[in-house]
PDB file of N, CA and C in Angstrom:
ATOM      1  N   GLU A   1       0.846  -1.181   0.000  1.00  0.00           N
ATOM      2  CA  GLU A   1       0.000   0.000   0.000  1.00  0.00           C
ATOM      3  C   GLU A   1       0.889   1.242   0.000  1.00  0.00           C
ATOM      4  N   GLN A   2       0.532   2.208  -0.821  1.00  0.00           N
ATOM      5  CA  GLN A   2       1.300   3.451  -0.858  1.00  0.00           C
ATOM      6  C   GLN A   2       0.768   4.433   0.174  1.00  0.00           C
ATOM      7  N   VAL A   3       1.702   5.125   0.801  1.00  0.00           N
ATOM      8  CA  VAL A   3       1.384   6.155   1.788  1.00  0.00           C
ATOM      9  C   VAL A   3       2.266   7.365   1.517  1.00  0.00           C
ATOM     10  N   GLN A   4       1.937   8.460   2.164  1.00  0.00           N
ATOM     11  CA  GLN A   4       2.813   9.617   2.068  1.00  0.00           C
ATOM     12  C   GLN A   4       3.202  10.067   3.461  1.00  0.00           C
ATOM     13  N   LEU A   5       4.374  10.666   3.544  1.00  0.00           N
ATOM     14  CA  LEU A   5       4.872  11.127   4.831  1.00  0.00           C
ATOM     15  C   LEU A   5       4.099  12.348   5.309  1.00  0.00           C
ATOM     16  N   THR A   6       3.775  12.352   6.590  1.00  0.00           N
ATOM     17  CA  THR A   6       3.133  13.514   7.195  1.00  0.00           C
ATOM     18  C   THR A   6       4.154  14.424   7.871  1.00  0.00           C
ATOM     19  N   LYS A   7       5.389  13.918   7.965  1.00  0.00           N
ATOM     20  CA  LYS A   7       6.488  14.663   8.585  1.00  0.00           C
ATOM     21  C   LYS A   7       7.748  14.409   7.757  1.00  0.00           C
ATOM     22  N   PRO A   8       8.663  15.351   7.742  1.00  0.00           N
ATOM     23  CA  PRO A   8       9.931  15.074   7.050  1.00  0.00           C
ATOM     24  C   PRO A   8      10.771  14.076   7.843  1.00  0.00           C
ATOM     25  N   LEU A   9      11.632  13.368   7.141  1.00  0.00           N
ATOM     26  CA  LEU A   9      12.615  12.473   7.753  1.00  0.00           C
ATOM     27  C   LEU A   9      13.991  12.960   7.318  1.00  0.00           C
ATOM     28  N   PRO A  10      14.475  14.049   7.921  1.00  0.00           N
ATOM     29  CA  PRO A  10      15.721  14.666   7.445  1.00  0.00           C
ATOM     30  C   PRO A  10      16.934  13.749   7.523  1.00  0.00           C
ATOM     31  N   GLU A  11      16.947  12.807   8.458  1.00  0.00           N
ATOM     32  CA  GLU A  11      18.082  11.900   8.572  1.00  0.00           C
ATOM     33  C   GLU A  11      18.209  10.986   7.354  1.00  0.00           C
ATOM     34  N   PHE A  12      17.110  10.844   6.592  1.00  0.00           N
ATOM     35  CA  PHE A  12      17.109  10.035   5.370  1.00  0.00           C
ATOM     36  C   PHE A  12      16.910  10.887   4.115  1.00  0.00           C
ATOM     37  N   HIS A  13      16.797  12.194   4.283  1.00  0.00           N
ATOM     38  CA  HIS A  13      16.615  13.143   3.182  1.00  0.00           C
ATOM     39  C   HIS A  13      15.252  13.024   2.508  1.00  0.00           C
ATOM     40  N   PHE A  14      14.227  12.651   3.277  1.00  0.00           N
ATOM     41  CA  PHE A  14      12.867  12.611   2.757  1.00  0.00           C
ATOM     42  C   PHE A  14      12.076  13.777   3.319  1.00  0.00           C
ATOM     43  N   GLU A  15      11.139  14.276   2.512  1.00  0.00           N
ATOM     44  CA  GLU A  15      10.345  15.444   2.871  1.00  0.00           C
ATOM     45  C   GLU A  15       8.894  15.049   3.106  1.00  0.00           C
ATOM     46  N   LYS A  16       8.202  15.886   3.847  1.00  0.00           N
ATOM     47  CA  LYS A  16       6.767  15.702   4.046  1.00  0.00           C
ATOM     48  C   LYS A  16       6.115  15.612   2.669  1.00  0.00           C
ATOM     49  N   GLY A  17       5.242  14.630   2.493  1.00  0.00           N
ATOM     50  CA  GLY A  17       4.551  14.440   1.224  1.00  0.00           C
ATOM     51  C   GLY A  17       5.195  13.411   0.316  1.00  0.00           C
ATOM     52  N   ASP A  18       6.441  13.000   0.597  1.00  0.00           N
ATOM     53  CA  ASP A  18       7.066  11.964  -0.222  1.00  0.00           C
ATOM     54  C   ASP A  18       6.271  10.663  -0.101  1.00  0.00           C
ATOM     55  N   VAL A  19       6.242   9.907  -1.178  1.00  0.00           N
ATOM     56  CA  VAL A  19       5.453   8.674  -1.256  1.00  0.00           C
ATOM     57  C   VAL A  19       6.350   7.464  -1.023  1.00  0.00           C
ATOM     58  N   ALA A  20       5.836   6.500  -0.262  1.00  0.00           N
ATOM     59  CA  ALA A  20       6.548   5.258   0.016  1.00  0.00           C
ATOM     60  C   ALA A  20       5.552   4.101  -0.025  1.00  0.00           C
ATOM     61  N   THR A  21       6.089   2.894  -0.014  1.00  0.00           N
ATOM     62  CA  THR A  21       5.268   1.688   0.017  1.00  0.00           C
ATOM     63  C   THR A  21       5.467   0.985   1.354  1.00  0.00           C
ATOM     64  N   ILE A  22       4.362   0.622   2.011  1.00  0.00           N
ATOM     65  CA  ILE A  22       4.453  -0.166   3.250  1.00  0.00           C
ATOM     66  C   ILE A  22       4.810  -1.592   2.862  1.00  0.00           C
ATOM     67  N   VAL A  23       5.905  -2.098   3.426  1.00  0.00           N
ATOM     68  CA  VAL A  23       6.304  -3.480   3.142  1.00  0.00           C
ATOM     69  C   VAL A  23       6.053  -4.413   4.319  1.00  0.00           C
ATOM     70  N   ASP A  24       5.902  -3.842   5.526  1.00  0.00           N
ATOM     71  CA  ASP A  24       5.635  -4.685   6.691  1.00  0.00           C
ATOM     72  C   ASP A  24       5.327  -3.792   7.885  1.00  0.00           C
ATOM     73  N   THR A  25       4.904  -4.409   8.969  1.00  0.00           N
ATOM     74  CA  THR A  25       4.705  -3.694  10.226  1.00  0.00           C
ATOM     75  C   THR A  25       5.638  -4.295  11.264  1.00  0.00           C
ATOM     76  N   ALA A  26       5.891  -3.529  12.309  1.00  0.00           N
ATOM     77  CA  ALA A  26       6.748  -3.996  13.397  1.00  0.00           C
ATOM     78  C   ALA A  26       6.262  -3.366  14.689  1.00  0.00           C
ATOM     79  N   ASN A  27       6.370  -4.088  15.786  1.00  0.00           N
ATOM     80  CA  ASN A  27       5.998  -3.559  17.097  1.00  0.00           C
ATOM     81  C   ASN A  27       7.253  -3.351  17.927  1.00  0.00           C
ATOM     82  N   ASP A  28       7.308  -2.203  18.633  1.00  0.00           N
ATOM     83  CA  ASP A  28       8.449  -1.971  19.521  1.00  0.00           C
ATOM     84  C   ASP A  28       8.184  -2.641  20.868  1.00  0.00           C
ATOM     85  N   SER A  29       9.093  -2.497  21.790  1.00  0.00           N
ATOM     86  CA  SER A  29       8.975  -3.170  23.093  1.00  0.00           C
ATOM     87  C   SER A  29       7.796  -2.664  23.925  1.00  0.00           C
ATOM     88  N   ASN A  30       7.253  -1.496  23.567  1.00  0.00           N
ATOM     89  CA  ASN A  30       6.087  -0.954  24.275  1.00  0.00           C
ATOM     90  C   ASN A  30       4.778  -1.336  23.599  1.00  0.00           C
ATOM     91  N   GLY A  31       4.849  -2.108  22.526  1.00  0.00           N
ATOM     92  CA  GLY A  31       3.636  -2.522  21.823  1.00  0.00           C
ATOM     93  C   GLY A  31       3.147  -1.526  20.792  1.00  0.00           C
ATOM     94  N   ASN A  32       3.922  -0.472  20.531  1.00  0.00           N
ATOM     95  CA  ASN A  32       3.535   0.512  19.516  1.00  0.00           C
ATOM     96  C   ASN A  32       3.815  -0.053  18.130  1.00  0.00           C
ATOM     97  N   THR A  33       2.884   0.174  17.207  1.00  0.00           N
ATOM     98  CA  THR A  33       3.041  -0.315  15.845  1.00  0.00           C
ATOM     99  C   THR A  33       3.851   0.665  15.024  1.00  0.00           C
ATOM    100  N   GLY A  34       4.827   0.144  14.323  1.00  0.00           N
ATOM    101  CA  GLY A  34       5.601   0.925  13.382  1.00  0.00           C
ATOM    102  C   GLY A  34       5.440   0.335  11.997  1.00  0.00           C
ATOM    103  N   TYR A  35       5.831   1.093  10.991  1.00  0.00           N
ATOM    104  CA  TYR A  35       5.692   0.652   9.614  1.00  0.00           C
ATOM    105  C   TYR A  35       7.045   0.658   8.924  1.00  0.00           C
ATOM    106  N   ILE A  36       7.333  -0.418   8.217  1.00  0.00           N
ATOM    107  CA  ILE A  36       8.548  -0.493   7.428  1.00  0.00           C
ATOM    108  C   ILE A  36       8.193   0.004   6.033  1.00  0.00           C
ATOM    109  N   LEU A  37       8.846   1.095   5.636  1.00  0.00           N
ATOM    110  CA  LEU A  37       8.561   1.735   4.360  1.00  0.00           C
ATOM    111  C   LEU A  37       9.722   1.555   3.407  1.00  0.00           C
ATOM    112  N   GLU A  38       9.397   1.392   2.139  1.00  0.00           N
ATOM    113  CA  GLU A  38      10.420   1.366   1.098  1.00  0.00           C
ATOM    114  C   GLU A  38      10.158   2.547   0.165  1.00  0.00           C
ATOM    115  N   PHE A  39      11.213   3.313  -0.058  1.00  0.00           N
ATOM    116  CA  PHE A  39      11.146   4.468  -0.954  1.00  0.00           C
ATOM    117  C   PHE A  39      11.848   4.106  -2.256  1.00  0.00           C
ATOM    118  N   PHE A  40      11.238   4.455  -3.383  1.00  0.00           N
ATOM    119  CA  PHE A  40      11.774   4.144  -4.706  1.00  0.00           C
ATOM    120  C   PHE A  40      12.045   5.416  -5.493  1.00  0.00           C
ATOM    121  N   ASP A  41      12.989   5.317  -6.447  1.00  0.00           N
ATOM    122  CA  ASP A  41      13.159   6.423  -7.390  1.00  0.00           C
ATOM    123  C   ASP A  41      12.233   6.187  -8.580  1.00  0.00           C
ATOM    124  N   ASN A  42      12.259   7.074  -9.564  1.00  0.00           N
ATOM    125  CA  ASN A  42      11.326   6.961 -10.682  1.00  0.00           C
ATOM    126  C   ASN A  42      11.671   5.816 -11.636  1.00  0.00           C
ATOM    127  N   ASN A  43      12.800   5.129 -11.426  1.00  0.00           N
ATOM    128  CA  ASN A  43      13.149   3.945 -12.212  1.00  0.00           C
ATOM    129  C   ASN A  43      12.830   2.652 -11.472  1.00  0.00           C
ATOM    130  N   GLY A  44      12.251   2.761 -10.275  1.00  0.00           N
ATOM    131  CA  GLY A  44      11.897   1.581  -9.491  1.00  0.00           C
ATOM    132  C   GLY A  44      13.010   1.049  -8.617  1.00  0.00           C
ATOM    133  N   ASN A  45      14.119   1.782  -8.527  1.00  0.00           N
ATOM    134  CA  ASN A  45      15.226   1.368  -7.668  1.00  0.00           C
ATOM    135  C   ASN A  45      14.958   1.792  -6.224  1.00  0.00           C
ATOM    136  N   THR A  46      15.291   0.937  -5.285  1.00  0.00           N
ATOM    137  CA  THR A  46      15.105   1.257  -3.879  1.00  0.00           C
ATOM    138  C   THR A  46      16.087   2.338  -3.453  1.00  0.00           C
ATOM    139  N   LEU A  47      15.550   3.393  -2.824  1.00  0.00           N
ATOM    140  CA  LEU A  47      16.385   4.451  -2.258  1.00  0.00           C
ATOM    141  C   LEU A  47      16.745   4.144  -0.815  1.00  0.00           C
ATOM    142  N   GLN A  48      15.741   3.826  -0.015  1.00  0.00           N
ATOM    143  CA  GLN A  48      15.930   3.537   1.411  1.00  0.00           C
ATOM    144  C   GLN A  48      14.782   2.661   1.891  1.00  0.00           C
ATOM    145  N   VAL A  49      15.043   1.892   2.931  1.00  0.00           N
ATOM    146  CA  VAL A  49      14.015   1.184   3.686  1.00  0.00           C
ATOM    147  C   VAL A  49      14.135   1.698   5.112  1.00  0.00           C
ATOM    148  N   VAL A  50      13.037   2.246   5.636  1.00  0.00           N
ATOM    149  CA  VAL A  50      13.069   2.862   6.962  1.00  0.00           C
ATOM    150  C   VAL A  50      11.861   2.408   7.777  1.00  0.00           C
ATOM    151  N   VAL A  51      11.986   2.515   9.095  1.00  0.00           N
ATOM    152  CA  VAL A  51      10.882   2.213  10.005  1.00  0.00           C
ATOM    153  C   VAL A  51      10.403   3.522  10.604  1.00  0.00           C
ATOM    154  N   VAL A  52       9.074   3.728  10.572  1.00  0.00           N
ATOM    155  CA  VAL A  52       8.492   4.964  11.113  1.00  0.00           C
ATOM    156  C   VAL A  52       7.309   4.633  12.012  1.00  0.00           C
ATOM    157  N   ASN A  53       6.960   5.574  12.870  1.00  0.00           N
ATOM    158  CA  ASN A  53       5.764   5.458  13.696  1.00  0.00           C
ATOM    159  C   ASN A  53       4.531   5.735  12.841  1.00  0.00           C
ATOM    160  N   ALA A  54       3.388   5.275  13.312  1.00  0.00           N
ATOM    161  CA  ALA A  54       2.134   5.446  12.578  1.00  0.00           C
ATOM    162  C   ALA A  54       1.808   6.910  12.319  1.00  0.00           C
ATOM    163  N   ASP A  55       2.222   7.811  13.215  1.00  0.00           N
ATOM    164  CA  ASP A  55       1.886   9.227  13.032  1.00  0.00           C
ATOM    165  C   ASP A  55       2.718   9.903  11.939  1.00  0.00           C
ATOM    166  N   CYS A  56       3.647   9.182  11.340  1.00  0.00           N
ATOM    167  CA  CYS A  56       4.495   9.729  10.272  1.00  0.00           C
ATOM    168  C   CYS A  56       3.926   9.488   8.874  1.00  0.00           C
ATOM    169  N   ILE A  57       2.836   8.709   8.775  1.00  0.00           N
ATOM    170  CA  ILE A  57       2.300   8.374   7.460  1.00  0.00           C
ATOM    171  C   ILE A  57       0.799   8.591   7.399  1.00  0.00           C
ATOM    172  N   ALA A  58       0.300   8.763   6.188  1.00  0.00           N
ATOM    173  CA  ALA A  58      -1.137   8.871   5.934  1.00  0.00           C
ATOM    174  C   ALA A  58      -1.405   8.352   4.533  1.00  0.00           C
ATOM    175  N   LEU A  59      -2.629   7.912   4.312  1.00  0.00           N
ATOM    176  CA  LEU A  59      -3.016   7.543   2.959  1.00  0.00           C
ATOM    177  C   LEU A  59      -3.065   8.804   2.110  1.00  0.00           C
ATOM    178  N   PRO A  60      -2.646   8.725   0.857  1.00  0.00           N
ATOM    179  CA  PRO A  60      -2.725   9.914   0.001  1.00  0.00           C
ATOM    180  C   PRO A  60      -4.184  10.309  -0.213  1.00  0.00           C
ATOM    181  N   PRO A  61      -4.443  11.600  -0.434  1.00  0.00           N
ATOM    182  CA  PRO A  61      -5.806  12.020  -0.738  1.00  0.00           C
ATOM    183  C   PRO A  61      -6.312  11.319  -2.005  1.00  0.00           C
ATOM    184  N   GLU A  62      -7.604  11.200  -2.134  1.00  0.00           N
ATOM    185  CA  GLU A  62      -8.198  10.475  -3.257  1.00  0.00           C
ATOM    186  C   GLU A  62      -7.777  11.050  -4.609  1.00  0.00           C
ATOM    187  N   HIS A  63      -7.775  12.348  -4.732  1.00  0.00           N
ATOM    188  CA  HIS A  63      -7.423  12.995  -6.008  1.00  0.00           C
ATOM    189  C   HIS A  63      -6.107  13.731  -5.849  1.00  0.00           C
ATOM    190  N   ALA A  64      -5.019  12.978  -5.722  1.00  0.00           N
ATOM    191  CA  ALA A  64      -3.706  13.562  -5.484  1.00  0.00           C
ATOM    192  C   ALA A  64      -2.839  13.450  -6.736  1.00  0.00           C
ATOM    193  N   VAL A  65      -1.895  14.355  -6.844  1.00  0.00           N
ATOM    194  CA  VAL A  65      -0.908  14.332  -7.914  1.00  0.00           C
ATOM    195  C   VAL A  65       0.434  13.957  -7.294  1.00  0.00           C
ATOM    196  N   VAL A  66       1.128  12.997  -7.909  1.00  0.00           N
ATOM    197  CA  VAL A  66       2.449  12.620  -7.440  1.00  0.00           C
ATOM    198  C   VAL A  66       3.455  13.574  -8.069  1.00  0.00           C
ATOM    199  N   ASN A  67       4.346  14.107  -7.244  1.00  0.00           N
ATOM    200  CA  ASN A  67       5.331  15.077  -7.697  1.00  0.00           C
ATOM    201  C   ASN A  67       6.724  14.481  -7.558  1.00  0.00           C
ATOM    202  N   TYR A  68       7.523  14.577  -8.602  1.00  0.00           N
ATOM    203  CA  TYR A  68       8.905  14.108  -8.541  1.00  0.00           C
ATOM    204  C   TYR A  68       9.818  15.256  -8.141  1.00  0.00           C
ATOM    205  N   ARG A  69      10.839  14.946  -7.355  1.00  0.00           N
ATOM    206  CA  ARG A  69      11.826  15.929  -6.949  1.00  0.00           C
ATOM    207  C   ARG A  69      13.178  15.245  -6.892  1.00  0.00           C
ATOM    208  N   PRO A  70      14.253  16.011  -7.012  1.00  0.00           N
ATOM    209  CA  PRO A  70      15.578  15.409  -6.908  1.00  0.00           C
ATOM    210  C   PRO A  70      15.797  14.830  -5.500  1.00  0.00           C
ATOM    211  N   TYR A  71      16.528  13.741  -5.437  1.00  0.00           N
ATOM    212  CA  TYR A  71      16.848  13.109  -4.155  1.00  0.00           C
ATOM    213  C   TYR A  71      18.348  12.902  -4.097  1.00  0.00           C
ATOM    214  N   LYS A  72      18.925  13.337  -3.008  1.00  0.00           N
ATOM    215  CA  LYS A  72      20.365  13.126  -2.801  1.00  0.00           C
ATOM    216  C   LYS A  72      20.537  12.408  -1.470  1.00  0.00           C
ATOM    217  N   ALA A  73      21.044  11.196  -1.525  1.00  0.00           N
ATOM    218  CA  ALA A  73      21.311  10.432  -0.310  1.00  0.00           C
ATOM    219  C   ALA A  73      22.533  10.983   0.393  1.00  0.00           C
ATOM    220  N   ALA A  74      22.632  10.697   1.662  1.00  0.00           N
ATOM    221  CA  ALA A  74      23.780  11.165   2.462  1.00  0.00           C
ATOM    222  C   ALA A  74      25.054  10.499   2.028  1.00  0.00           C
TER     223      ALA A  74
END
């Protein structure tokens, strides 16, 4: 399922609104659910796989436009 970030992830160079795919879920030691996200470039290559809290993602709006932007990894 595709989601978009509700917050930036500066440590990975991702911005609020960037689109990712949920590949799995994970629970921390406190029982909080996290999501394992995979980010792709426009050629389908994996940029990063990261784990985020549920409050960092949302389903894209029904009538949304996907925007491409340059990405520079650390």
